[in-house]
């Protein structure tokens, strides 16, 4: 698990879109999608439902979210 993957996850959660999240963190959409896919592969769970041009969290994604938020908060202090 890499910091860039966690950042991509959090921004995609906040913006409900991989393309908007990619723009917000300054990477291409395929790069952001690859980060999310790698994270999902490592966790062996899908974290997002891909719906049209947007995304929303799966149950696994909702369960994972507080851990990622806590980890990122810890790194920022």
Protein backbone atom coordinates (compact mmCIF):
# COMPACT_ATOMS: atom_id res chain seq x y z
CA UNK A 1 0.00 0.00 0.00
CA UNK A 2 1.44 3.34 -1.06
CA UNK A 3 0.72 6.89 0.02
CA UNK A 4 -0.25 7.85 -3.54
CA UNK A 5 -2.88 5.12 -3.59
CA UNK A 6 -4.39 6.33 -0.33
CA UNK A 7 -4.40 9.93 -1.55
CA UNK A 8 -6.11 8.86 -4.78
CA UNK A 9 -8.69 6.93 -2.78
CA UNK A 10 -9.53 9.88 -0.51
CA UNK A 11 -9.77 12.43 -3.30
CA UNK A 12 -11.95 10.11 -5.41
CA UNK A 13 -14.22 9.61 -2.40
CA UNK A 14 -14.48 13.37 -1.90
CA UNK A 15 -15.08 14.22 -5.57
CA UNK A 16 -17.10 11.11 -6.57
CA UNK A 17 -15.10 10.92 -9.80
CA UNK A 18 -11.81 9.43 -10.92
CA UNK A 19 -11.32 12.07 -13.62
CA UNK A 20 -11.93 15.00 -11.25
CA UNK A 21 -9.74 13.35 -8.60
CA UNK A 22 -6.94 12.89 -11.14
CA UNK A 23 -7.14 16.55 -12.09
CA UNK A 24 -7.14 17.61 -8.43
CA UNK A 25 -3.94 15.73 -7.61
CA UNK A 26 -2.22 16.44 -10.92
CA UNK A 27 -2.09 13.01 -12.52
CA UNK A 28 -3.77 11.50 -15.55
CA UNK A 29 -7.04 9.65 -15.14
CA UNK A 30 -5.46 6.32 -16.22
CA UNK A 31 -2.74 6.81 -13.60
CA UNK A 32 -5.30 7.46 -10.87
CA UNK A 33 -7.36 4.45 -11.98
CA UNK A 34 -4.22 2.29 -11.86
CA UNK A 35 -3.54 3.43 -8.29
CA UNK A 36 -7.08 2.52 -7.25
CA UNK A 37 -6.96 -0.83 -9.06
CA UNK A 38 -3.64 -1.69 -7.38
CA UNK A 39 -5.11 -0.81 -3.99
CA UNK A 40 -8.20 -2.93 -4.69
CA UNK A 41 -6.00 -5.83 -5.80
CA UNK A 42 -3.92 -5.61 -2.64
CA UNK A 43 -7.04 -5.53 -0.46
CA UNK A 44 -8.75 -8.16 -2.61
CA UNK A 45 -11.94 -6.08 -2.52
CA UNK A 46 -13.52 -3.55 -4.86
CA UNK A 47 -13.61 -0.17 -3.12
CA UNK A 48 -15.78 1.68 -5.64
CA UNK A 49 -18.85 1.07 -7.74
CA UNK A 50 -18.13 2.60 -11.13
CA UNK A 51 -21.35 4.29 -12.24
CA UNK A 52 -21.33 6.15 -15.53
CA UNK A 53 -18.83 8.97 -15.10
CA UNK A 54 -18.89 8.79 -11.32
CA UNK A 55 -17.95 6.47 -8.50
CA UNK A 56 -19.39 5.62 -5.12
CA UNK A 57 -18.04 3.51 -2.31
CA UNK A 58 -18.78 -0.18 -1.92
CA UNK A 59 -19.35 -1.57 1.58
CA UNK A 60 -15.64 -2.47 1.66
CA UNK A 61 -14.75 1.08 0.63
CA UNK A 62 -16.92 2.54 3.39
CA UNK A 63 -15.26 0.23 5.93
CA UNK A 64 -11.77 1.16 4.68
CA UNK A 65 -12.38 4.93 4.63
CA UNK A 66 -11.96 5.72 8.36
CA UNK A 67 -8.63 3.86 8.47
CA UNK A 68 -7.30 5.82 5.51
CA UNK A 69 -8.52 9.10 6.98
CA UNK A 70 -6.83 8.32 10.29
CA UNK A 71 -3.58 7.33 8.59
CA UNK A 72 -3.50 10.49 6.50
CA UNK A 73 -4.36 12.65 9.52
CA UNK A 74 -1.49 11.05 11.43
CA UNK A 75 0.95 11.74 8.59
CA UNK A 76 -0.08 15.40 8.42
CA UNK A 77 0.58 16.10 12.11
